[in-house]
Each structure stands twice: as C-alpha cells, then as structure tokens.
N, C-alpha and C. Protein backbone atom coordinates (compact mmCIF):
# COMPACT_ATOMS: atom_id res chain seq x y z
N MET A 1 0.94 -1.30 -0.08
CA MET A 1 0.06 0.05 0.13
C MET A 1 0.92 1.15 -0.06
N SER A 2 0.53 2.07 -0.74
CA SER A 2 1.14 3.64 -0.56
C SER A 2 0.60 4.59 0.27
N GLY A 3 1.29 5.38 0.61
CA GLY A 3 0.74 6.41 1.51
C GLY A 3 -0.60 7.00 1.25
N SER A 4 -0.91 7.31 -0.10
CA SER A 4 -2.37 7.68 -0.44
C SER A 4 -3.36 6.52 -0.04
N GLU A 5 -2.89 5.13 -0.35
CA GLU A 5 -3.83 4.15 -0.04
C GLU A 5 -4.08 4.01 1.49
N ILE A 6 -3.21 4.14 2.15
CA ILE A 6 -3.28 4.24 3.71
C ILE A 6 -4.24 5.25 4.04
N GLU A 7 -4.07 6.30 3.78
CA GLU A 7 -4.91 7.53 4.01
C GLU A 7 -6.37 7.22 3.62
N ARG A 8 -6.53 6.84 2.32
CA ARG A 8 -7.97 6.51 2.05
C ARG A 8 -8.62 5.33 3.00
N THR A 9 -7.74 4.32 3.15
CA THR A 9 -8.12 3.28 4.09
C THR A 9 -8.67 3.80 5.27
N VAL A 10 -7.73 4.60 6.08
CA VAL A 10 -8.09 5.11 7.44
C VAL A 10 -9.45 6.15 7.47
N VAL A 11 -9.62 6.71 6.38
CA VAL A 11 -10.74 7.67 6.16
C VAL A 11 -12.01 6.49 6.06
N ARG A 12 -11.92 5.61 5.39
CA ARG A 12 -13.01 4.56 5.49
C ARG A 12 -13.06 3.93 6.55
N LEU A 13 -11.97 3.58 7.26
CA LEU A 13 -12.39 2.89 8.69
C LEU A 13 -12.96 3.79 9.72
N ALA A 14 -12.56 5.10 9.63
CA ALA A 14 -13.28 6.13 10.38
C ALA A 14 -14.65 6.14 10.25
N HIS A 15 -15.24 6.22 9.06
CA HIS A 15 -16.46 6.18 8.58
C HIS A 15 -17.34 5.09 8.93
N GLU A 16 -16.58 3.67 8.96
CA GLU A 16 -17.34 2.57 9.46
C GLU A 16 -17.39 2.34 10.96
N ILE A 17 -16.40 3.10 11.59
CA ILE A 17 -16.60 2.99 13.14
C ILE A 17 -17.91 4.03 13.62
N ILE A 18 -17.91 5.13 12.87
CA ILE A 18 -18.91 5.98 13.22
C ILE A 18 -20.55 5.41 12.77
N GLU A 19 -20.33 4.87 11.72
CA GLU A 19 -21.50 4.22 11.32
C GLU A 19 -22.03 3.07 12.30
N LYS A 20 -20.89 2.05 12.74
CA LYS A 20 -21.32 0.98 13.41
C LYS A 20 -21.65 1.25 14.97
N ASN A 21 -21.08 2.34 15.17
CA ASN A 21 -21.39 3.01 16.72
C ASN A 21 -22.48 3.99 16.64
N ASN A 22 -23.16 4.42 15.71
CA ASN A 22 -24.16 5.42 15.76
C ASN A 22 -23.54 6.76 16.09
N GLY A 23 -22.58 7.12 15.74
CA GLY A 23 -21.92 8.34 15.94
C GLY A 23 -20.50 8.18 16.96
N ALA A 24 -20.22 9.32 17.51
CA ALA A 24 -18.97 9.21 18.32
C ALA A 24 -19.26 9.24 19.93
N GLU A 25 -20.49 9.46 20.25
CA GLU A 25 -20.69 9.51 21.77
C GLU A 25 -20.41 8.21 22.44
N ASN A 26 -19.68 8.69 23.43
CA ASN A 26 -19.32 7.35 24.45
C ASN A 26 -18.25 6.56 23.75
N LEU A 27 -17.62 7.12 22.86
CA LEU A 27 -16.53 6.57 21.94
C LEU A 27 -15.07 6.73 22.78
N GLY A 28 -14.14 5.80 22.74
CA GLY A 28 -12.80 6.01 23.07
C GLY A 28 -11.85 5.31 22.27
N ILE A 29 -10.82 5.50 21.82
CA ILE A 29 -9.92 5.10 20.94
C ILE A 29 -8.54 4.69 21.57
N ASP A 30 -8.11 3.55 21.63
CA ASP A 30 -6.68 3.03 22.07
C ASP A 30 -6.06 2.33 21.16
N GLY A 31 -4.73 2.89 20.95
CA GLY A 31 -3.83 2.58 19.99
C GLY A 31 -2.95 1.56 20.84
N ILE A 32 -2.34 0.46 20.09
CA ILE A 32 -1.52 -0.44 20.81
C ILE A 32 -0.12 -0.18 20.24
N ARG A 33 0.66 0.11 21.17
CA ARG A 33 2.12 0.34 20.72
C ARG A 33 2.69 -0.49 19.89
N ARG A 34 3.35 -0.11 18.80
CA ARG A 34 3.79 1.24 18.58
C ARG A 34 2.97 1.85 17.26
N ARG A 35 2.76 0.91 16.11
CA ARG A 35 2.17 1.67 15.10
C ARG A 35 0.59 1.59 15.29
N GLY A 36 0.00 1.23 16.30
CA GLY A 36 -1.25 1.34 16.69
C GLY A 36 -1.78 2.82 16.98
N VAL A 37 -0.85 3.44 17.78
CA VAL A 37 -0.96 4.85 18.43
C VAL A 37 -1.25 5.65 17.27
N PRO A 38 -0.09 5.88 16.27
CA PRO A 38 -0.49 6.86 15.27
C PRO A 38 -1.73 6.63 14.54
N LEU A 39 -1.97 5.40 14.28
CA LEU A 39 -3.40 5.07 13.66
C LEU A 39 -4.61 5.57 14.49
N ALA A 40 -4.42 5.28 15.86
CA ALA A 40 -5.61 5.57 16.67
C ALA A 40 -5.74 7.15 16.65
N HIS A 41 -4.67 7.88 16.58
CA HIS A 41 -4.53 9.24 16.40
C HIS A 41 -5.28 9.88 15.28
N ARG A 42 -5.01 9.30 14.20
CA ARG A 42 -5.38 9.57 12.83
C ARG A 42 -7.00 9.59 12.96
N LEU A 43 -7.32 8.21 13.17
CA LEU A 43 -8.88 7.90 13.31
C LEU A 43 -9.66 8.76 14.25
N ALA A 44 -9.15 9.10 15.31
CA ALA A 44 -9.77 9.98 16.27
C ALA A 44 -9.97 11.43 15.53
N GLU A 45 -8.98 11.94 14.97
CA GLU A 45 -9.10 13.29 14.25
C GLU A 45 -10.01 13.34 13.31
N LEU A 46 -10.11 12.07 12.37
CA LEU A 46 -11.04 12.27 11.43
C LEU A 46 -12.50 12.13 12.04
N ILE A 47 -12.76 11.26 13.00
CA ILE A 47 -13.93 11.11 13.50
C ILE A 47 -14.35 12.43 14.38
N GLU A 48 -13.58 13.15 14.91
CA GLU A 48 -13.82 14.24 15.53
C GLU A 48 -14.30 15.45 14.46
N ARG A 49 -13.55 15.19 13.10
CA ARG A 49 -13.92 16.20 12.27
C ARG A 49 -15.33 16.00 11.61
N ILE A 50 -15.43 14.68 11.61
CA ILE A 50 -16.82 14.36 10.83
C ILE A 50 -18.12 14.53 11.99
N GLU A 51 -17.78 14.24 13.07
CA GLU A 51 -18.83 14.09 14.15
C GLU A 51 -19.09 15.46 14.97
N LYS A 52 -17.95 16.33 14.88
CA LYS A 52 -17.93 17.53 15.66
C LYS A 52 -17.90 17.36 17.24
N THR A 53 -17.34 16.35 17.45
CA THR A 53 -17.29 15.93 18.92
C THR A 53 -15.94 15.35 19.24
N PRO A 54 -15.32 15.70 20.43
CA PRO A 54 -13.92 15.00 20.83
C PRO A 54 -13.97 13.46 21.15
N VAL A 55 -13.11 13.00 20.70
CA VAL A 55 -12.93 11.65 20.96
C VAL A 55 -11.60 11.24 21.71
N PRO A 56 -11.67 10.72 22.99
CA PRO A 56 -10.45 10.37 23.72
C PRO A 56 -9.64 9.55 23.12
N VAL A 57 -8.26 9.60 23.03
CA VAL A 57 -7.36 8.78 22.43
C VAL A 57 -6.20 8.34 23.45
N GLY A 58 -6.09 7.03 23.70
CA GLY A 58 -5.15 6.59 24.58
C GLY A 58 -4.24 5.51 24.07
N THR A 59 -3.22 5.20 24.90
CA THR A 59 -2.16 4.28 24.41
C THR A 59 -2.04 2.99 25.40
N LEU A 60 -2.10 1.79 24.67
CA LEU A 60 -1.78 0.65 25.53
C LEU A 60 -0.37 0.29 25.14
N ASP A 61 0.41 0.49 26.52
CA ASP A 61 1.90 0.15 26.45
C ASP A 61 2.28 -1.35 26.38
N ILE A 62 2.21 -2.01 25.25
CA ILE A 62 2.74 -3.42 25.32
C ILE A 62 3.96 -3.60 24.45
N THR A 63 4.95 -4.27 25.02
CA THR A 63 6.11 -4.49 24.35
C THR A 63 5.75 -5.88 23.59
N LEU A 64 6.06 -5.60 22.18
CA LEU A 64 5.60 -6.78 21.32
C LEU A 64 6.73 -7.75 20.96
N TYR A 65 6.46 -9.14 21.08
CA TYR A 65 7.33 -10.04 20.58
C TYR A 65 6.76 -10.70 19.63
N ARG A 66 6.56 -10.16 18.45
CA ARG A 66 5.88 -10.70 17.12
C ARG A 66 6.86 -10.91 15.98
N ASP A 67 6.32 -11.99 15.23
CA ASP A 67 7.54 -12.11 14.04
C ASP A 67 7.62 -10.80 13.27
N ASP A 68 6.92 -10.03 13.26
CA ASP A 68 7.17 -8.70 12.47
C ASP A 68 7.86 -7.75 13.08
N LEU A 69 8.26 -7.92 14.39
CA LEU A 69 8.95 -6.94 15.20
C LEU A 69 10.15 -7.49 15.90
N SER A 70 10.08 -8.76 16.22
CA SER A 70 11.24 -9.41 17.01
C SER A 70 11.26 -10.88 17.17
N THR A 71 12.13 -11.69 17.22
CA THR A 71 12.16 -13.02 17.33
C THR A 71 12.71 -13.34 18.84
N VAL A 72 12.87 -12.28 19.71
CA VAL A 72 13.36 -12.49 21.14
C VAL A 72 12.41 -13.63 21.71
N GLY A 73 11.20 -13.66 21.85
CA GLY A 73 10.22 -14.34 22.63
C GLY A 73 8.77 -14.43 21.66
N SER A 74 8.03 -15.26 22.35
CA SER A 74 6.70 -15.36 21.77
C SER A 74 5.49 -14.86 22.41
N LYS A 75 5.71 -14.43 23.81
CA LYS A 75 4.80 -13.80 24.48
C LYS A 75 4.85 -12.34 24.63
N PRO A 76 3.80 -11.53 24.27
CA PRO A 76 3.64 -10.16 24.50
C PRO A 76 3.98 -9.78 25.96
N VAL A 77 4.58 -8.91 26.17
CA VAL A 77 4.84 -8.36 27.62
C VAL A 77 4.07 -7.09 27.76
N VAL A 78 3.09 -7.09 28.88
CA VAL A 78 2.25 -5.91 29.03
C VAL A 78 3.05 -5.06 30.16
N GLN A 79 3.31 -3.73 29.76
CA GLN A 79 3.99 -2.79 30.84
C GLN A 79 2.81 -1.98 31.26
N LYS A 80 3.00 -1.70 32.67
CA LYS A 80 1.97 -1.01 33.47
C LYS A 80 2.00 0.52 32.85
N GLY A 81 0.81 1.01 32.48
CA GLY A 81 0.66 2.44 32.19
C GLY A 81 -0.69 2.81 31.83
N ALA A 82 -1.02 3.88 32.40
CA ALA A 82 -2.40 4.52 32.23
C ALA A 82 -2.76 4.85 30.80
N ILE A 83 -3.87 4.52 30.29
CA ILE A 83 -4.36 4.79 28.99
C ILE A 83 -4.55 6.31 28.90
N GLY A 84 -4.98 7.04 29.82
CA GLY A 84 -5.07 8.49 29.63
C GLY A 84 -6.44 8.93 29.87
N PHE A 85 -7.44 8.10 29.75
CA PHE A 85 -8.83 8.62 30.05
C PHE A 85 -9.44 7.25 30.60
N PRO A 86 -10.62 7.47 31.31
CA PRO A 86 -11.29 6.33 32.16
C PRO A 86 -12.07 5.69 30.96
N VAL A 87 -11.85 4.18 31.00
CA VAL A 87 -12.33 3.44 29.87
C VAL A 87 -13.71 2.72 30.41
N ALA A 88 -13.82 2.89 31.70
CA ALA A 88 -15.26 2.27 32.26
C ALA A 88 -16.61 2.65 31.46
N GLY A 89 -17.26 1.77 31.11
CA GLY A 89 -18.75 2.14 30.39
C GLY A 89 -18.39 2.81 28.87
N LYS A 90 -17.08 2.98 28.49
CA LYS A 90 -17.14 3.53 27.09
C LYS A 90 -17.10 2.46 26.14
N ASN A 91 -17.42 2.78 24.86
CA ASN A 91 -17.26 1.72 23.70
C ASN A 91 -15.71 2.00 23.40
N ILE A 92 -14.80 1.20 23.39
CA ILE A 92 -13.46 1.22 23.06
C ILE A 92 -13.25 0.74 21.67
N ILE A 93 -12.55 1.54 20.95
CA ILE A 93 -11.99 0.83 19.72
C ILE A 93 -10.42 0.45 19.82
N LEU A 94 -10.24 -0.63 19.77
CA LEU A 94 -8.69 -0.98 19.96
C LEU A 94 -8.12 -1.01 18.64
N VAL A 95 -6.90 -0.26 18.45
CA VAL A 95 -6.34 -0.17 17.14
C VAL A 95 -5.12 -0.82 17.07
N ASP A 96 -4.69 -1.47 16.01
CA ASP A 96 -3.26 -2.09 15.88
C ASP A 96 -3.07 -2.04 14.35
N ASP A 97 -1.80 -2.06 13.84
CA ASP A 97 -1.46 -2.06 12.42
C ASP A 97 -1.70 -3.37 11.75
N VAL A 98 -1.29 -4.54 12.36
CA VAL A 98 -1.40 -5.89 11.69
C VAL A 98 -2.15 -6.79 12.75
N LEU A 99 -2.95 -7.62 12.34
CA LEU A 99 -3.38 -8.56 12.99
C LEU A 99 -2.91 -10.16 12.27
N TYR A 100 -2.15 -10.77 13.38
CA TYR A 100 -1.70 -12.08 12.81
C TYR A 100 -2.26 -13.20 13.61
N THR A 101 -1.48 -13.68 14.69
CA THR A 101 -1.87 -14.71 15.64
C THR A 101 -3.02 -14.44 16.43
N GLY A 102 -3.09 -13.16 16.72
CA GLY A 102 -4.12 -12.80 17.85
C GLY A 102 -3.61 -12.68 19.28
N ARG A 103 -2.27 -13.02 19.49
CA ARG A 103 -1.75 -12.94 20.79
C ARG A 103 -1.45 -11.53 21.31
N THR A 104 -1.00 -10.69 20.44
CA THR A 104 -0.88 -9.20 20.80
C THR A 104 -2.28 -8.67 21.36
N VAL A 105 -3.31 -8.89 20.55
CA VAL A 105 -4.59 -8.52 20.93
C VAL A 105 -5.10 -8.82 22.25
N ARG A 106 -4.84 -10.36 22.58
CA ARG A 106 -5.13 -10.72 23.92
C ARG A 106 -4.63 -10.17 24.91
N ALA A 107 -3.22 -9.91 24.71
CA ALA A 107 -2.35 -9.03 25.86
C ALA A 107 -2.99 -7.78 25.91
N ALA A 108 -3.21 -6.89 24.87
CA ALA A 108 -3.99 -5.71 24.92
C ALA A 108 -5.23 -5.69 25.61
N LEU A 109 -6.07 -6.67 25.47
CA LEU A 109 -7.31 -6.87 26.22
C LEU A 109 -7.03 -6.95 27.86
N ASP A 110 -6.15 -7.63 28.17
CA ASP A 110 -5.63 -7.92 29.55
C ASP A 110 -5.28 -6.43 30.17
N ALA A 111 -4.46 -5.76 29.25
CA ALA A 111 -4.00 -4.27 29.63
C ALA A 111 -5.25 -3.24 29.79
N LEU A 112 -6.24 -3.62 28.83
CA LEU A 112 -7.29 -2.45 28.94
C LEU A 112 -8.27 -2.90 30.05
N PHE A 113 -8.34 -4.16 30.32
CA PHE A 113 -9.48 -4.39 31.44
C PHE A 113 -8.64 -4.06 32.69
N ASP A 114 -7.37 -4.05 32.89
CA ASP A 114 -6.80 -3.64 34.00
C ASP A 114 -7.01 -2.13 34.45
N GLN A 115 -7.43 -1.44 33.28
CA GLN A 115 -7.66 -0.09 33.56
C GLN A 115 -9.16 0.31 33.74
N GLY A 116 -10.16 -0.54 33.66
CA GLY A 116 -11.70 -0.64 33.90
C GLY A 116 -12.03 -1.42 32.96
N ARG A 117 -13.60 -1.26 33.14
CA ARG A 117 -14.55 -2.32 32.28
C ARG A 117 -15.13 -1.38 31.25
N PRO A 118 -14.64 -1.53 30.10
CA PRO A 118 -15.51 -0.79 29.02
C PRO A 118 -16.75 -1.45 28.75
N SER A 119 -17.80 -0.62 28.33
CA SER A 119 -19.06 -1.26 27.80
C SER A 119 -18.87 -2.30 26.62
N ARG A 120 -17.93 -1.93 25.70
CA ARG A 120 -18.02 -2.69 24.45
C ARG A 120 -16.34 -2.52 23.88
N VAL A 121 -15.94 -3.52 23.40
CA VAL A 121 -14.47 -3.23 22.85
C VAL A 121 -14.52 -3.95 21.40
N GLN A 122 -14.06 -3.17 20.47
CA GLN A 122 -14.08 -3.41 18.93
C GLN A 122 -12.50 -3.27 18.51
N LEU A 123 -12.16 -4.22 17.67
CA LEU A 123 -10.90 -4.32 17.17
C LEU A 123 -10.87 -3.76 15.65
N CYS A 124 -10.02 -2.73 15.51
CA CYS A 124 -9.67 -2.12 14.19
C CYS A 124 -8.20 -2.33 13.81
N VAL A 125 -8.18 -2.89 12.70
CA VAL A 125 -6.60 -3.16 12.25
C VAL A 125 -6.54 -2.72 10.73
N LEU A 126 -5.26 -1.95 10.56
CA LEU A 126 -5.25 -1.74 9.11
C LEU A 126 -4.97 -2.96 8.15
N ILE A 127 -4.34 -3.98 8.59
CA ILE A 127 -4.09 -5.12 7.73
C ILE A 127 -4.60 -6.39 8.69
N ASP A 128 -5.17 -7.40 8.00
CA ASP A 128 -5.32 -8.76 8.65
C ASP A 128 -4.61 -9.51 7.79
N ARG A 129 -3.71 -10.40 8.16
CA ARG A 129 -3.00 -11.33 7.56
C ARG A 129 -3.25 -12.68 7.82
N GLY A 130 -4.39 -12.95 8.63
CA GLY A 130 -4.88 -14.36 8.79
C GLY A 130 -3.74 -15.08 9.64
N HIS A 131 -3.87 -16.40 9.87
CA HIS A 131 -2.99 -17.18 10.37
C HIS A 131 -3.37 -17.17 11.95
N ARG A 132 -4.52 -16.96 12.55
CA ARG A 132 -4.99 -16.80 13.86
C ARG A 132 -4.55 -18.09 14.71
N GLU A 133 -4.08 -17.82 15.78
CA GLU A 133 -3.90 -18.77 16.92
C GLU A 133 -4.98 -18.75 18.08
N LEU A 134 -5.56 -17.63 18.05
CA LEU A 134 -6.50 -17.43 19.08
C LEU A 134 -7.86 -16.98 18.41
N PRO A 135 -9.09 -17.19 18.88
CA PRO A 135 -10.29 -16.92 18.32
C PRO A 135 -10.52 -15.45 18.38
N ILE A 136 -9.71 -14.57 17.70
CA ILE A 136 -9.93 -13.01 17.63
C ILE A 136 -10.06 -12.77 16.46
N GLU A 137 -11.08 -11.74 16.05
CA GLU A 137 -11.53 -11.14 14.82
C GLU A 137 -11.68 -9.76 14.90
N ALA A 138 -11.26 -8.92 14.03
CA ALA A 138 -11.42 -7.51 13.81
C ALA A 138 -12.91 -7.21 13.40
N ALA A 139 -13.33 -6.24 14.02
CA ALA A 139 -14.58 -5.73 13.78
C ALA A 139 -14.34 -4.70 12.25
N PHE A 140 -13.12 -4.17 12.34
CA PHE A 140 -12.81 -3.02 11.21
C PHE A 140 -11.51 -3.37 10.74
N VAL A 141 -11.59 -4.01 9.33
CA VAL A 141 -10.26 -4.25 8.63
C VAL A 141 -9.89 -3.22 7.48
N GLY A 142 -8.95 -2.77 7.60
CA GLY A 142 -8.52 -1.86 6.34
C GLY A 142 -8.32 -2.81 5.01
N ARG A 143 -7.56 -3.87 5.25
CA ARG A 143 -7.21 -4.70 3.87
C ARG A 143 -6.79 -6.09 4.56
N LYS A 144 -7.48 -7.04 3.92
CA LYS A 144 -7.13 -8.52 4.24
C LYS A 144 -6.07 -8.87 3.14
N VAL A 145 -4.85 -9.46 3.74
CA VAL A 145 -3.72 -9.72 2.63
C VAL A 145 -3.31 -11.14 3.08
N GLN A 146 -3.51 -12.18 2.09
CA GLN A 146 -2.96 -13.55 2.34
C GLN A 146 -1.72 -13.53 2.27
N THR A 147 -1.06 -14.28 3.44
CA THR A 147 0.46 -14.29 3.53
C THR A 147 0.68 -15.82 3.76
N THR A 148 2.00 -16.18 3.65
CA THR A 148 2.43 -17.49 4.06
C THR A 148 3.55 -17.26 5.37
N ASP A 149 3.49 -18.21 6.22
CA ASP A 149 4.50 -18.08 7.35
C ASP A 149 5.78 -17.67 7.15
N GLU A 150 6.38 -17.63 5.70
CA GLU A 150 7.53 -17.14 5.45
C GLU A 150 7.64 -15.49 4.98
N GLU A 151 6.26 -15.09 5.15
CA GLU A 151 6.33 -13.66 4.76
C GLU A 151 5.97 -12.78 5.90
N ILE A 152 6.26 -11.59 5.96
CA ILE A 152 5.95 -10.42 6.93
C ILE A 152 5.46 -9.21 6.16
N ILE A 153 4.37 -8.83 7.04
CA ILE A 153 3.85 -7.29 6.64
C ILE A 153 4.69 -6.48 7.51
N GLU A 154 5.13 -5.40 6.63
CA GLU A 154 5.76 -4.33 7.29
C GLU A 154 4.92 -2.97 7.19
N VAL A 155 4.65 -2.25 8.17
CA VAL A 155 3.79 -1.14 8.12
C VAL A 155 4.87 -0.09 8.47
N LYS A 156 4.84 1.05 7.64
CA LYS A 156 5.85 2.04 7.81
C LYS A 156 4.78 3.38 8.06
N LEU A 157 4.92 4.02 9.01
CA LEU A 157 4.25 4.87 9.24
C LEU A 157 4.95 6.43 9.60
N ASN A 158 4.70 7.49 9.07
CA ASN A 158 5.61 8.74 9.17
C ASN A 158 5.79 9.01 10.55
N GLU A 159 4.84 9.09 11.48
CA GLU A 159 5.16 9.29 12.96
C GLU A 159 6.19 8.34 13.51
N VAL A 160 6.38 7.15 13.13
CA VAL A 160 7.24 6.42 13.74
C VAL A 160 8.64 5.87 12.83
N ASP A 161 8.30 5.94 11.55
CA ASP A 161 9.35 5.39 10.49
C ASP A 161 9.82 6.43 9.40
N ASP A 162 9.37 7.84 9.60
CA ASP A 162 9.40 8.60 8.44
C ASP A 162 9.28 8.07 7.02
N ALA A 163 8.23 7.27 7.01
CA ALA A 163 7.86 6.62 5.65
C ALA A 163 6.52 6.22 5.70
N GLU A 164 5.77 6.21 4.62
CA GLU A 164 4.33 5.96 4.70
C GLU A 164 3.98 4.71 3.52
N LYS A 165 4.17 3.51 3.95
CA LYS A 165 3.77 2.47 3.12
C LYS A 165 3.56 1.06 3.74
N VAL A 166 3.03 0.09 3.19
CA VAL A 166 2.97 -1.25 3.67
C VAL A 166 3.38 -2.29 2.65
N LEU A 167 4.52 -3.10 3.18
CA LEU A 167 5.14 -3.97 2.42
C LEU A 167 4.97 -5.27 2.67
N LEU A 168 5.09 -6.31 1.73
CA LEU A 168 4.98 -7.75 1.99
C LEU A 168 6.31 -8.16 1.72
N VAL A 169 7.07 -8.78 2.77
CA VAL A 169 8.37 -8.93 2.34
C VAL A 169 8.77 -10.59 2.97
N GLU A 170 9.74 -11.00 2.45
CA GLU A 170 10.14 -12.56 2.88
C GLU A 170 10.76 -12.38 4.11
N LYS A 171 10.60 -13.29 4.92
CA LYS A 171 11.20 -13.34 6.23
C LYS A 171 12.76 -13.68 6.13
N GLN A 172 13.70 -13.03 6.71
CA GLN A 172 15.02 -13.22 6.63
C GLN A 172 15.55 -14.16 7.88
N ASP A 173 16.18 -15.11 7.55
CA ASP A 173 16.63 -16.11 8.48
C ASP A 173 17.68 -15.67 9.30
C-alpha cells in the first residue's frame, strides 16, 4: 500500500466506526504501541472532524514480541501504564497495524481491562494477514492480505518510521 492508499483506508475505517457505533458519543480509541498509536490518533482526528465531538485517544503500552518486530520471544509483555482516560462504560476501539496470531490483541485486552471495564471493545486493524492462533477477529479491517508463514507485513508510518507504506516481504533467517 502506498501512503495515499493508507490515507484512504483510514478515512474509510473512520466512517465505518462512526456508522457501526451510531456516531462518536461514548467512544474512546486506544492504540496498541507502536504503530497502533498513530493510527488511533488519525482515526480520532477524522471522527472528531466528521462528528464535531472530541474522541479521547489512549495508548496501550505493550512490548511486542511478534514475528514482524522481534524474534526474542513469543509472548507479548504488558507494561503498566495508564491509558489516559477512563475506559469504564465506554465503547472502546482497540487499534493495531497488523492482526496476525491474535496474541498481541489478547495481551492488549488484558491491559485494557486492568484500566477498567469498558461497555464494548471493537478491534480495528489496518492489515489482517490471517494465521490466527486465538479466536480473535477484527470488527474493522483496512485490508485483508493472504500471506504465508515465510512472509512478513511491514507497516511504515510517518510518525514512527519517516515513511508511509505497507510492504509484504520475505522473512530473513
């Protein structure tokens, strides 16, 4: 995906979130570190512009040990850290860049529920590449990409990488 394709996809996702939630009332958006955070901020800005109401944005601080970031370990490590707004009773949109095995999302849900009990949690991802190990499914998907276990999806965002693109690359041994 090019930068303009990412932008169009995020705009579409913002509209889908508004539609499925009947507006932005009682909505909160939490990005999973690292690349879920800038995506969460982009979605919140778009929703605020469309709905003319502020949407709180938070960060779930999770150290990821996934195949697309590191091969150090297989378990995500949740670090303690406040989201930045009260989640109790809110409709939370959990945002990440790539959905793969589902283990990162499971860890993020644990971190989220440590902060309070939201009314509802919906997952929004830029890329769903399949290969789930846990029964986790995104409510909002930018693009589904069929991959093999030897391939990696690399998401590059200006806020983190000074580049804006999504790449499908072969895993390096």
